[in-house]
Amino acid sequence: MSTLALDHKAPGADAVPASGAIAAAALAGALSSAAFVAGFVFFPSQSFREGMLTPYSIVNNVVTTLAFAALAMAVPTLRQVLDVPRWALYTSSAAFAAVAAMSWSLATLAPDMAKFVTDSEFDQFTAYLILFPLPKMILGLVGFTALGLSGWRRRAIPRGAAALLILAGIASLWWAYPPGAFLGALAFAWIVKTVEAGPRGPSTPAPARQAVGPT
Protein backbone atom coordinates (compact mmCIF):
# COMPACT_ATOMS: atom_id res chain seq x y z
CA MET A 1 0.00 0.00 0.00
CA SER A 2 1.37 3.42 -0.89
CA THR A 3 1.05 6.49 1.28
CA LEU A 4 0.36 9.93 -0.22
CA ALA A 5 2.04 12.92 1.41
CA LEU A 6 0.24 16.24 1.13
CA ASP A 7 2.18 19.48 1.69
CA HIS A 8 0.46 22.32 3.50
CA LYS A 9 1.92 25.83 3.24
CA ALA A 10 2.44 27.83 6.37
CA PRO A 11 0.24 30.90 6.73
CA GLY A 12 1.86 33.86 5.00
CA ALA A 13 4.38 31.70 3.19
CA ASP A 14 3.49 33.17 -0.18
CA ALA A 15 5.62 36.14 -1.16
CA VAL A 16 3.94 39.53 -1.38
CA PRO A 17 2.63 40.05 -4.94
CA ALA A 18 4.46 43.38 -5.37
CA SER A 19 7.84 42.11 -4.13
CA GLY A 20 9.42 42.37 -7.57
CA ALA A 21 8.17 45.92 -8.03
CA ILE A 22 9.42 46.93 -4.60
CA ALA A 23 12.86 45.44 -5.18
CA ALA A 24 13.25 47.08 -8.59
CA ALA A 25 11.99 50.47 -7.42
CA ALA A 26 14.11 50.34 -4.26
CA LEU A 27 17.32 49.57 -6.14
CA ALA A 28 16.59 52.22 -8.78
CA GLY A 29 15.84 54.76 -6.06
CA ALA A 30 19.02 53.95 -4.15
CA LEU A 31 21.14 54.27 -7.29
CA SER A 32 19.54 57.55 -8.38
CA SER A 33 19.94 58.99 -4.86
CA ALA A 34 23.62 58.08 -4.94
CA ALA A 35 23.89 59.59 -8.44
CA PHE A 36 22.43 62.86 -7.13
CA VAL A 37 25.30 63.17 -4.66
CA ALA A 38 27.82 61.99 -7.24
CA GLY A 39 26.80 64.89 -9.48
CA PHE A 40 28.50 67.32 -7.11
CA VAL A 41 31.69 65.26 -7.44
CA PHE A 42 31.52 64.91 -11.23
CA PHE A 43 30.75 68.58 -11.84
CA PRO A 44 32.47 70.49 -9.00
CA SER A 45 32.84 73.75 -10.94
CA GLN A 46 29.13 74.12 -11.69
CA SER A 47 26.86 76.33 -9.63
CA PHE A 48 23.67 74.89 -8.22
CA ARG A 49 21.69 76.71 -10.93
CA GLU A 50 23.90 75.35 -13.71
CA GLY A 51 23.64 71.87 -12.27
CA MET A 52 19.85 71.97 -12.45
CA LEU A 53 20.08 72.57 -16.21
CA THR A 54 22.33 69.61 -17.05
CA PRO A 55 20.80 66.52 -18.72
CA TYR A 56 22.52 64.46 -16.01
CA SER A 57 20.52 66.18 -13.27
CA ILE A 58 17.21 66.26 -15.16
CA VAL A 59 17.32 62.60 -16.22
CA ASN A 60 18.45 61.48 -12.77
CA ASN A 61 15.63 63.36 -11.06
CA VAL A 62 13.08 61.85 -13.47
CA VAL A 63 14.39 58.36 -12.63
CA THR A 64 14.23 59.23 -8.93
CA THR A 65 10.65 60.41 -9.29
CA LEU A 66 9.52 57.24 -11.04
CA ALA A 67 11.40 54.96 -8.63
CA PHE A 68 10.06 56.49 -5.44
CA ALA A 69 6.55 56.95 -6.79
CA ALA A 70 6.49 53.22 -7.59
CA LEU A 71 7.97 52.44 -4.18
CA ALA A 72 5.34 54.58 -2.45
CA MET A 73 2.56 52.64 -4.18
CA ALA A 74 4.08 49.19 -3.59
CA VAL A 75 5.27 49.43 0.03
CA PRO A 76 1.76 49.15 1.60
CA THR A 77 1.40 45.66 0.11
CA LEU A 78 3.98 44.46 2.62
CA ARG A 79 1.26 44.57 5.29
CA GLN A 80 0.31 41.09 4.04
CA VAL A 81 3.57 39.53 5.17
CA LEU A 82 5.17 41.77 7.82
CA ASP A 83 4.19 41.84 11.49
CA VAL A 84 4.59 45.61 11.82
CA PRO A 85 2.10 48.43 12.46
CA ARG A 86 0.25 49.29 9.28
CA TRP A 87 0.44 52.99 10.00
CA ALA A 88 4.25 52.77 9.99
CA LEU A 89 4.17 51.21 6.51
CA TYR A 90 1.74 53.83 5.23
CA THR A 91 3.79 56.67 6.73
CA SER A 92 6.95 55.29 5.13
CA SER A 93 5.05 55.08 1.86
CA ALA A 94 4.04 58.74 2.23
CA ALA A 95 7.68 59.66 2.91
CA PHE A 96 8.69 58.04 -0.38
CA ALA A 97 5.88 59.95 -2.12
CA ALA A 98 7.28 63.19 -0.68
CA VAL A 99 10.71 62.28 -2.06
CA ALA A 100 9.13 61.73 -5.48
CA ALA A 101 7.49 65.16 -5.27
CA MET A 102 10.81 66.81 -4.43
CA SER A 103 12.70 65.11 -7.24
CA TRP A 104 9.93 65.92 -9.73
CA SER A 105 10.18 69.61 -8.86
CA LEU A 106 13.96 69.42 -9.40
CA ALA A 107 13.38 67.82 -12.79
CA THR A 108 10.75 70.32 -13.97
CA LEU A 109 10.25 73.54 -12.00
CA ALA A 110 13.86 74.17 -11.00
CA PRO A 111 15.35 73.90 -14.53
CA ASP A 112 12.60 76.09 -15.95
CA MET A 113 13.29 78.81 -13.39
CA ALA A 114 17.08 78.44 -13.72
CA LYS A 115 16.88 79.56 -17.36
CA PHE A 116 15.76 83.08 -16.44
CA VAL A 117 17.75 84.00 -13.33
CA THR A 118 21.37 84.44 -12.32
CA ASP A 119 23.24 82.15 -9.94
CA SER A 120 22.78 84.53 -7.00
CA GLU A 121 19.07 85.02 -7.74
CA PHE A 122 18.59 81.27 -7.98
CA ASP A 123 20.36 80.73 -4.65
CA GLN A 124 18.25 83.45 -3.02
CA PHE A 125 15.05 81.88 -4.30
CA THR A 126 15.98 78.36 -3.17
CA ALA A 127 16.67 79.75 0.30
CA TYR A 128 12.95 80.45 0.56
CA LEU A 129 12.16 76.81 -0.16
CA ILE A 130 13.35 75.63 3.25
CA LEU A 131 9.77 74.64 4.12
CA PHE A 132 9.39 72.49 1.00
CA PRO A 133 11.31 69.47 2.43
CA LEU A 134 9.29 69.51 5.68
CA PRO A 135 6.82 66.74 4.63
CA LYS A 136 9.70 64.49 3.63
CA MET A 137 11.54 65.27 6.87
CA ILE A 138 8.57 64.64 9.18
CA LEU A 139 7.16 61.61 7.37
CA GLY A 140 10.58 60.04 6.99
CA LEU A 141 11.54 60.57 10.61
CA VAL A 142 8.28 59.14 11.95
CA GLY A 143 7.65 56.40 9.39
CA PHE A 144 11.13 54.95 8.91
CA THR A 145 12.06 55.15 12.58
CA ALA A 146 8.79 53.56 13.77
CA LEU A 147 9.05 50.81 11.15
CA GLY A 148 12.65 50.08 12.05
CA LEU A 149 12.01 49.96 15.79
CA SER A 150 8.87 47.83 15.54
CA GLY A 151 10.47 45.50 13.02
CA TRP A 152 13.51 45.13 15.31
CA ARG A 153 11.44 44.40 18.43
CA ARG A 154 9.10 41.95 16.71
CA ARG A 155 11.88 40.41 14.61
CA ALA A 156 9.62 40.96 11.62
CA ILE A 157 12.46 42.27 9.45
CA PRO A 158 16.22 41.64 9.42
CA ARG A 159 18.12 43.54 12.09
CA GLY A 160 20.35 45.11 9.45
CA ALA A 161 17.37 46.43 7.51
CA ALA A 162 15.82 47.72 10.74
CA ALA A 163 19.05 49.59 11.54
CA LEU A 164 19.07 51.11 8.04
CA LEU A 165 15.48 52.28 8.52
CA ILE A 166 16.31 53.95 11.83
CA LEU A 167 19.28 55.69 10.20
CA ALA A 168 17.05 56.66 7.28
CA GLY A 169 14.61 58.28 9.70
CA ILE A 170 17.38 60.35 11.24
CA ALA A 171 18.92 61.20 7.86
CA SER A 172 15.52 62.38 6.62
CA LEU A 173 15.97 65.47 8.79
CA TRP A 174 18.57 66.70 6.29
CA TRP A 175 16.92 69.11 3.81
CA ALA A 176 18.07 67.16 0.74
CA TYR A 177 16.37 63.86 -0.01
CA PRO A 178 19.34 61.57 -0.95
CA PRO A 179 20.62 60.50 2.50
CA GLY A 180 17.30 59.32 3.93
CA ALA A 181 15.94 58.13 0.59
CA PHE A 182 19.10 56.13 -0.15
CA LEU A 183 19.08 54.34 3.22
CA GLY A 184 15.32 53.78 3.17
CA ALA A 185 15.40 52.30 -0.33
CA LEU A 186 18.26 49.95 0.58
CA ALA A 187 16.34 48.82 3.67
CA PHE A 188 13.25 47.90 1.65
CA ALA A 189 15.33 46.07 -0.95
CA TRP A 190 16.77 44.02 1.93
CA ILE A 191 13.33 43.41 3.43
CA VAL A 192 11.88 42.20 0.14
CA LYS A 193 14.82 39.86 -0.40
CA THR A 194 14.01 38.29 2.96
CA VAL A 195 10.30 38.10 2.19
CA GLU A 196 10.99 36.31 -1.09
CA ALA A 197 13.21 33.82 0.75
CA GLY A 198 10.29 32.77 2.95
CA PRO A 199 8.59 33.56 6.28
CA ARG A 200 10.66 34.68 9.27
CA GLY A 201 10.34 34.46 13.00
CA PRO A 202 10.06 31.66 15.57
CA SER A 203 6.29 32.07 15.74
CA THR A 204 5.80 30.99 12.12
CA PRO A 205 4.85 27.32 12.01
CA ALA A 206 6.86 25.03 9.77
CA PRO A 207 5.15 23.49 6.76
CA ALA A 208 3.27 20.38 7.85
CA ARG A 209 3.11 17.11 6.04
CA GLN A 210 -0.04 15.10 6.47
CA ALA A 211 0.02 11.42 5.70
CA VAL A 212 -3.05 10.06 4.01
CA GLY A 213 -3.43 6.31 3.76
CA PRO A 214 -5.93 3.54 4.02
CA THR A 215 -8.04 3.54 7.19
C-alpha atoms as a PDB file:
ATOM      1  CA  MET A   1       0.000   0.000   0.000  1.00  0.00           C
ATOM      2  CA  SER A   2       1.370   3.423  -0.891  1.00  0.00           C
ATOM      3  CA  THR A   3       1.054   6.493   1.284  1.00  0.00           C
ATOM      4  CA  LEU A   4       0.361   9.927  -0.218  1.00  0.00           C
ATOM      5  CA  ALA A   5       2.044  12.923   1.407  1.00  0.00           C
ATOM      6  CA  LEU A   6       0.237  16.241   1.131  1.00  0.00           C
ATOM      7  CA  ASP A   7       2.185  19.480   1.692  1.00  0.00           C
ATOM      8  CA  HIS A   8       0.456  22.324   3.504  1.00  0.00           C
ATOM      9  CA  LYS A   9       1.923  25.827   3.242  1.00  0.00           C
ATOM     10  CA  ALA A  10       2.444  27.827   6.374  1.00  0.00           C
ATOM     11  CA  PRO A  11       0.237  30.901   6.733  1.00  0.00           C
ATOM     12  CA  GLY A  12       1.857  33.859   5.004  1.00  0.00           C
ATOM     13  CA  ALA A  13       4.382  31.698   3.187  1.00  0.00           C
ATOM     14  CA  ASP A  14       3.487  33.167  -0.184  1.00  0.00           C
ATOM     15  CA  ALA A  15       5.619  36.143  -1.159  1.00  0.00           C
ATOM     16  CA  VAL A  16       3.941  39.530  -1.377  1.00  0.00           C
ATOM     17  CA  PRO A  17       2.632  40.051  -4.938  1.00  0.00           C
ATOM     18  CA  ALA A  18       4.459  43.376  -5.370  1.00  0.00           C
ATOM     19  CA  SER A  19       7.835  42.109  -4.126  1.00  0.00           C
ATOM     20  CA  GLY A  20       9.422  42.371  -7.572  1.00  0.00           C
ATOM     21  CA  ALA A  21       8.168  45.923  -8.032  1.00  0.00           C
ATOM     22  CA  ILE A  22       9.422  46.933  -4.596  1.00  0.00           C
ATOM     23  CA  ALA A  23      12.861  45.436  -5.184  1.00  0.00           C
ATOM     24  CA  ALA A  24      13.254  47.077  -8.594  1.00  0.00           C
ATOM     25  CA  ALA A  25      11.991  50.466  -7.416  1.00  0.00           C
ATOM     26  CA  ALA A  26      14.111  50.345  -4.256  1.00  0.00           C
ATOM     27  CA  LEU A  27      17.323  49.574  -6.137  1.00  0.00           C
ATOM     28  CA  ALA A  28      16.586  52.225  -8.781  1.00  0.00           C
ATOM     29  CA  GLY A  29      15.841  54.765  -6.058  1.00  0.00           C
ATOM     30  CA  ALA A  30      19.015  53.948  -4.146  1.00  0.00           C
ATOM     31  CA  LEU A  31      21.144  54.269  -7.292  1.00  0.00           C
ATOM     32  CA  SER A  32      19.544  57.546  -8.378  1.00  0.00           C
ATOM     33  CA  SER A  33      19.938  58.992  -4.864  1.00  0.00           C
ATOM     34  CA  ALA A  34      23.618  58.082  -4.942  1.00  0.00           C
ATOM     35  CA  ALA A  35      23.887  59.587  -8.438  1.00  0.00           C
ATOM     36  CA  PHE A  36      22.428  62.862  -7.132  1.00  0.00           C
ATOM     37  CA  VAL A  37      25.299  63.171  -4.659  1.00  0.00           C
ATOM     38  CA  ALA A  38      27.824  61.994  -7.241  1.00  0.00           C
ATOM     39  CA  GLY A  39      26.805  64.893  -9.484  1.00  0.00           C
ATOM     40  CA  PHE A  40      28.500  67.320  -7.112  1.00  0.00           C
ATOM     41  CA  VAL A  41      31.689  65.258  -7.443  1.00  0.00           C
ATOM     42  CA  PHE A  42      31.521  64.906 -11.231  1.00  0.00           C
ATOM     43  CA  PHE A  43      30.752  68.585 -11.837  1.00  0.00           C
ATOM     44  CA  PRO A  44      32.467  70.493  -9.000  1.00  0.00           C
ATOM     45  CA  SER A  45      32.838  73.750 -10.944  1.00  0.00           C
ATOM     46  CA  GLN A  46      29.131  74.123 -11.692  1.00  0.00           C
ATOM     47  CA  SER A  47      26.864  76.334  -9.632  1.00  0.00           C
ATOM     48  CA  PHE A  48      23.666  74.892  -8.217  1.00  0.00           C
ATOM     49  CA  ARG A  49      21.685  76.707 -10.928  1.00  0.00           C
ATOM     50  CA  GLU A  50      23.902  75.349 -13.709  1.00  0.00           C
ATOM     51  CA  GLY A  51      23.643  71.866 -12.268  1.00  0.00           C
ATOM     52  CA  MET A  52      19.846  71.970 -12.454  1.00  0.00           C
ATOM     53  CA  LEU A  53      20.082  72.565 -16.208  1.00  0.00           C
ATOM     54  CA  THR A  54      22.331  69.610 -17.052  1.00  0.00           C
ATOM     55  CA  PRO A  55      20.803  66.518 -18.716  1.00  0.00           C
ATOM     56  CA  TYR A  56      22.518  64.460 -16.011  1.00  0.00           C
ATOM     57  CA  SER A  57      20.521  66.180 -13.270  1.00  0.00           C
ATOM     58  CA  ILE A  58      17.214  66.256 -15.159  1.00  0.00           C
ATOM     59  CA  VAL A  59      17.317  62.599 -16.215  1.00  0.00           C
ATOM     60  CA  ASN A  60      18.453  61.479 -12.775  1.00  0.00           C
ATOM     61  CA  ASN A  61      15.628  63.355 -11.064  1.00  0.00           C
ATOM     62  CA  VAL A  62      13.084  61.852 -13.470  1.00  0.00           C
ATOM     63  CA  VAL A  63      14.386  58.364 -12.627  1.00  0.00           C
ATOM     64  CA  THR A  64      14.234  59.229  -8.926  1.00  0.00           C
ATOM     65  CA  THR A  65      10.647  60.406  -9.286  1.00  0.00           C
ATOM     66  CA  LEU A  66       9.520  57.242 -11.039  1.00  0.00           C
ATOM     67  CA  ALA A  67      11.401  54.962  -8.635  1.00  0.00           C
ATOM     68  CA  PHE A  68      10.059  56.491  -5.438  1.00  0.00           C
ATOM     69  CA  ALA A  69       6.547  56.945  -6.794  1.00  0.00           C
ATOM     70  CA  ALA A  70       6.489  53.217  -7.587  1.00  0.00           C
ATOM     71  CA  LEU A  71       7.972  52.444  -4.183  1.00  0.00           C
ATOM     72  CA  ALA A  72       5.337  54.575  -2.451  1.00  0.00           C
ATOM     73  CA  MET A  73       2.557  52.640  -4.177  1.00  0.00           C
ATOM     74  CA  ALA A  74       4.076  49.192  -3.592  1.00  0.00           C
ATOM     75  CA  VAL A  75       5.273  49.432   0.026  1.00  0.00           C
ATOM     76  CA  PRO A  76       1.759  49.149   1.603  1.00  0.00           C
ATOM     77  CA  THR A  77       1.400  45.658   0.105  1.00  0.00           C
ATOM     78  CA  LEU A  78       3.984  44.458   2.625  1.00  0.00           C
ATOM     79  CA  ARG A  79       1.256  44.571   5.285  1.00  0.00           C
ATOM     80  CA  GLN A  80       0.309  41.093   4.045  1.00  0.00           C
ATOM     81  CA  VAL A  81       3.570  39.526   5.169  1.00  0.00           C
ATOM     82  CA  LEU A  82       5.170  41.767   7.816  1.00  0.00           C
ATOM     83  CA  ASP A  83       4.191  41.836  11.485  1.00  0.00           C
ATOM     84  CA  VAL A  84       4.588  45.607  11.825  1.00  0.00           C
ATOM     85  CA  PRO A  85       2.098  48.431  12.464  1.00  0.00           C
ATOM     86  CA  ARG A  86       0.252  49.286   9.277  1.00  0.00           C
ATOM     87  CA  TRP A  87       0.437  52.994  10.005  1.00  0.00           C
ATOM     88  CA  ALA A  88       4.251  52.775   9.985  1.00  0.00           C
ATOM     89  CA  LEU A  89       4.170  51.214   6.508  1.00  0.00           C
ATOM     90  CA  TYR A  90       1.743  53.834   5.230  1.00  0.00           C
ATOM     91  CA  THR A  91       3.789  56.669   6.730  1.00  0.00           C
ATOM     92  CA  SER A  92       6.952  55.286   5.133  1.00  0.00           C
ATOM     93  CA  SER A  93       5.054  55.081   1.859  1.00  0.00           C
ATOM     94  CA  ALA A  94       4.042  58.739   2.234  1.00  0.00           C
ATOM     95  CA  ALA A  95       7.681  59.656   2.907  1.00  0.00           C
ATOM     96  CA  PHE A  96       8.689  58.042  -0.383  1.00  0.00           C
ATOM     97  CA  ALA A  97       5.882  59.949  -2.124  1.00  0.00           C
ATOM     98  CA  ALA A  98       7.278  63.189  -0.676  1.00  0.00           C
ATOM     99  CA  VAL A  99      10.713  62.284  -2.059  1.00  0.00           C
ATOM    100  CA  ALA A 100       9.133  61.727  -5.478  1.00  0.00           C
ATOM    101  CA  ALA A 101       7.485  65.155  -5.273  1.00  0.00           C
ATOM    102  CA  MET A 102      10.809  66.807  -4.430  1.00  0.00           C
ATOM    103  CA  SER A 103      12.703  65.107  -7.242  1.00  0.00           C
ATOM    104  CA  TRP A 104       9.929  65.919  -9.729  1.00  0.00           C
ATOM    105  CA  SER A 105      10.183  69.612  -8.855  1.00  0.00           C
ATOM    106  CA  LEU A 106      13.955  69.420  -9.397  1.00  0.00           C
ATOM    107  CA  ALA A 107      13.379  67.820 -12.794  1.00  0.00           C
ATOM    108  CA  THR A 108      10.755  70.320 -13.973  1.00  0.00           C
ATOM    109  CA  LEU A 109      10.249  73.542 -11.999  1.00  0.00           C
ATOM    110  CA  ALA A 110      13.864  74.169 -10.996  1.00  0.00           C
ATOM    111  CA  PRO A 111      15.353  73.897 -14.528  1.00  0.00           C
ATOM    112  CA  ASP A 112      12.601  76.087 -15.945  1.00  0.00           C
ATOM    113  CA  MET A 113      13.289  78.805 -13.392  1.00  0.00           C
ATOM    114  CA  ALA A 114      17.083  78.444 -13.716  1.00  0.00           C
ATOM    115  CA  LYS A 115      16.883  79.556 -17.356  1.00  0.00           C
ATOM    116  CA  PHE A 116      15.758  83.078 -16.445  1.00  0.00           C
ATOM    117  CA  VAL A 117      17.753  83.997 -13.331  1.00  0.00           C
ATOM    118  CA  THR A 118      21.375  84.439 -12.316  1.00  0.00           C
ATOM    119  CA  ASP A 119      23.241  82.153  -9.936  1.00  0.00           C
ATOM    120  CA  SER A 120      22.775  84.529  -7.002  1.00  0.00           C
ATOM    121  CA  GLU A 121      19.073  85.019  -7.744  1.00  0.00           C
ATOM    122  CA  PHE A 122      18.592  81.271  -7.978  1.00  0.00           C
ATOM    123  CA  ASP A 123      20.356  80.734  -4.654  1.00  0.00           C
ATOM    124  CA  GLN A 124      18.250  83.449  -3.021  1.00  0.00           C
ATOM    125  CA  PHE A 125      15.048  81.882  -4.304  1.00  0.00           C
ATOM    126  CA  THR A 126      15.982  78.360  -3.168  1.00  0.00           C
ATOM    127  CA  ALA A 127      16.671  79.750   0.297  1.00  0.00           C
ATOM    128  CA  TYR A 128      12.945  80.447   0.564  1.00  0.00           C
ATOM    129  CA  LEU A 129      12.165  76.810  -0.161  1.00  0.00           C
ATOM    130  CA  ILE A 130      13.355  75.635   3.247  1.00  0.00           C
ATOM    131  CA  LEU A 131       9.772  74.641   4.116  1.00  0.00           C
ATOM    132  CA  PHE A 132       9.391  72.489   0.996  1.00  0.00           C
ATOM    133  CA  PRO A 133      11.313  69.472   2.427  1.00  0.00           C
ATOM    134  CA  LEU A 134       9.290  69.508   5.681  1.00  0.00           C
ATOM    135  CA  PRO A 135       6.820  66.744   4.632  1.00  0.00           C
ATOM    136  CA  LYS A 136       9.704  64.489   3.629  1.00  0.00           C
ATOM    137  CA  MET A 137      11.537  65.266   6.869  1.00  0.00           C
ATOM    138  CA  ILE A 138       8.573  64.641   9.184  1.00  0.00           C
ATOM    139  CA  LEU A 139       7.164  61.609   7.373  1.00  0.00           C
ATOM    140  CA  GLY A 140      10.581  60.039   6.990  1.00  0.00           C
ATOM    141  CA  LEU A 141      11.543  60.573  10.615  1.00  0.00           C
ATOM    142  CA  VAL A 142       8.285  59.135  11.947  1.00  0.00           C
ATOM    143  CA  GLY A 143       7.654  56.403   9.386  1.00  0.00           C
ATOM    144  CA  PHE A 144      11.133  54.950   8.905  1.00  0.00           C
ATOM    145  CA  THR A 145      12.057  55.145  12.581  1.00  0.00           C
ATOM    146  CA  ALA A 146       8.791  53.559  13.766  1.00  0.00           C
ATOM    147  CA  LEU A 147       9.051  50.805  11.151  1.00  0.00           C
ATOM    148  CA  GLY A 148      12.651  50.078  12.049  1.00  0.00           C
ATOM    149  CA  LEU A 149      12.008  49.960  15.791  1.00  0.00           C
ATOM    150  CA  SER A 150       8.866  47.830  15.539  1.00  0.00           C
ATOM    151  CA  GLY A 151      10.474  45.500  13.025  1.00  0.00           C
ATOM    152  CA  TRP A 152      13.507  45.133  15.305  1.00  0.00           C
ATOM    153  CA  ARG A 153      11.442  44.399  18.426  1.00  0.00           C
ATOM    154  CA  ARG A 154       9.099  41.948  16.712  1.00  0.00           C
ATOM    155  CA  ARG A 155      11.878  40.415  14.607  1.00  0.00           C
ATOM    156  CA  ALA A 156       9.625  40.956  11.622  1.00  0.00           C
ATOM    157  CA  ILE A 157      12.457  42.267   9.453  1.00  0.00           C
ATOM    158  CA  PRO A 158      16.224  41.642   9.419  1.00  0.00           C
ATOM    159  CA  ARG A 159      18.122  43.540  12.087  1.00  0.00           C
ATOM    160  CA  GLY A 160      20.354  45.114   9.452  1.00  0.00           C
ATOM    161  CA  ALA A 161      17.374  46.426   7.509  1.00  0.00           C
ATOM    162  CA  ALA A 162      15.821  47.724  10.738  1.00  0.00           C
ATOM    163  CA  ALA A 163      19.046  49.586  11.544  1.00  0.00           C
ATOM    164  CA  LEU A 164      19.073  51.108   8.044  1.00  0.00           C
ATOM    165  CA  LEU A 165      15.479  52.282   8.522  1.00  0.00           C
ATOM    166  CA  ILE A 166      16.308  53.949  11.826  1.00  0.00           C
ATOM    167  CA  LEU A 167      19.282  55.687  10.205  1.00  0.00           C
ATOM    168  CA  ALA A 168      17.046  56.658   7.279  1.00  0.00           C
ATOM    169  CA  GLY A 169      14.612  58.284   9.697  1.00  0.00           C
ATOM    170  CA  ILE A 170      17.383  60.349  11.243  1.00  0.00           C
ATOM    171  CA  ALA A 171      18.924  61.197   7.855  1.00  0.00           C
ATOM    172  CA  SER A 172      15.516  62.384   6.623  1.00  0.00           C
ATOM    173  CA  LEU A 173      15.975  65.475   8.787  1.00  0.00           C
ATOM    174  CA  TRP A 174      18.566  66.699   6.290  1.00  0.00           C
ATOM    175  CA  TRP A 175      16.925  69.107   3.813  1.00  0.00           C
ATOM    176  CA  ALA A 176      18.072  67.164   0.738  1.00  0.00           C
ATOM    177  CA  TYR A 177      16.372  63.856  -0.012  1.00  0.00           C
ATOM    178  CA  PRO A 178      19.337  61.566  -0.953  1.00  0.00           C
ATOM    179  CA  PRO A 179      20.625  60.495   2.503  1.00  0.00           C
ATOM    180  CA  GLY A 180      17.304  59.323   3.930  1.00  0.00           C
ATOM    181  CA  ALA A 181      15.942  58.133   0.586  1.00  0.00           C
ATOM    182  CA  PHE A 182      19.097  56.127  -0.148  1.00  0.00           C
ATOM    183  CA  LEU A 183      19.083  54.344   3.223  1.00  0.00           C
ATOM    184  CA  GLY A 184      15.318  53.780   3.171  1.00  0.00           C
ATOM    185  CA  ALA A 185      15.397  52.303  -0.326  1.00  0.00           C
ATOM    186  CA  LEU A 186      18.255  49.953   0.581  1.00  0.00           C
ATOM    187  CA  ALA A 187      16.338  48.822   3.667  1.00  0.00           C
ATOM    188  CA  PHE A 188      13.252  47.899   1.648  1.00  0.00           C
ATOM    189  CA  ALA A 189      15.334  46.071  -0.948  1.00  0.00           C
ATOM    190  CA  TRP A 190      16.768  44.022   1.931  1.00  0.00           C
ATOM    191  CA  ILE A 191      13.332  43.406   3.434  1.00  0.00           C
ATOM    192  CA  VAL A 192      11.883  42.196   0.140  1.00  0.00           C
ATOM    193  CA  LYS A 193      14.817  39.856  -0.402  1.00  0.00           C
ATOM    194  CA  THR A 194      14.011  38.288   2.965  1.00  0.00           C
ATOM    195  CA  VAL A 195      10.297  38.105   2.188  1.00  0.00           C
ATOM    196  CA  GLU A 196      10.994  36.313  -1.087  1.00  0.00           C
ATOM    197  CA  ALA A 197      13.208  33.820   0.750  1.00  0.00           C
ATOM    198  CA  GLY A 198      10.287  32.770   2.951  1.00  0.00           C
ATOM    199  CA  PRO A 199       8.592  33.558   6.283  1.00  0.00           C
ATOM    200  CA  ARG A 200      10.657  34.684   9.270  1.00  0.00           C
ATOM    201  CA  GLY A 201      10.339  34.460  12.999  1.00  0.00           C
ATOM    202  CA  PRO A 202      10.058  31.655  15.571  1.00  0.00           C
ATOM    203  CA  SER A 203       6.294  32.066  15.744  1.00  0.00           C
ATOM    204  CA  THR A 204       5.799  30.985  12.118  1.00  0.00           C
ATOM    205  CA  PRO A 205       4.853  27.316  12.007  1.00  0.00           C
ATOM    206  CA  ALA A 206       6.863  25.030   9.771  1.00  0.00           C
ATOM    207  CA  PRO A 207       5.146  23.490   6.765  1.00  0.00           C
ATOM    208  CA  ALA A 208       3.270  20.385   7.845  1.00  0.00           C
ATOM    209  CA  ARG A 209       3.112  17.109   6.036  1.00  0.00           C
ATOM    210  CA  GLN A 210      -0.041  15.105   6.470  1.00  0.00           C
ATOM    211  CA  ALA A 211       0.023  11.418   5.699  1.00  0.00           C
ATOM    212  CA  VAL A 212      -3.047  10.060   4.007  1.00  0.00           C
ATOM    213  CA  GLY A 213      -3.427   6.314   3.756  1.00  0.00           C
ATOM    214  CA  PRO A 214      -5.932   3.538   4.020  1.00  0.00           C
ATOM    215  CA  THR A 215      -8.036   3.537   7.187  1.00  0.00           C
END
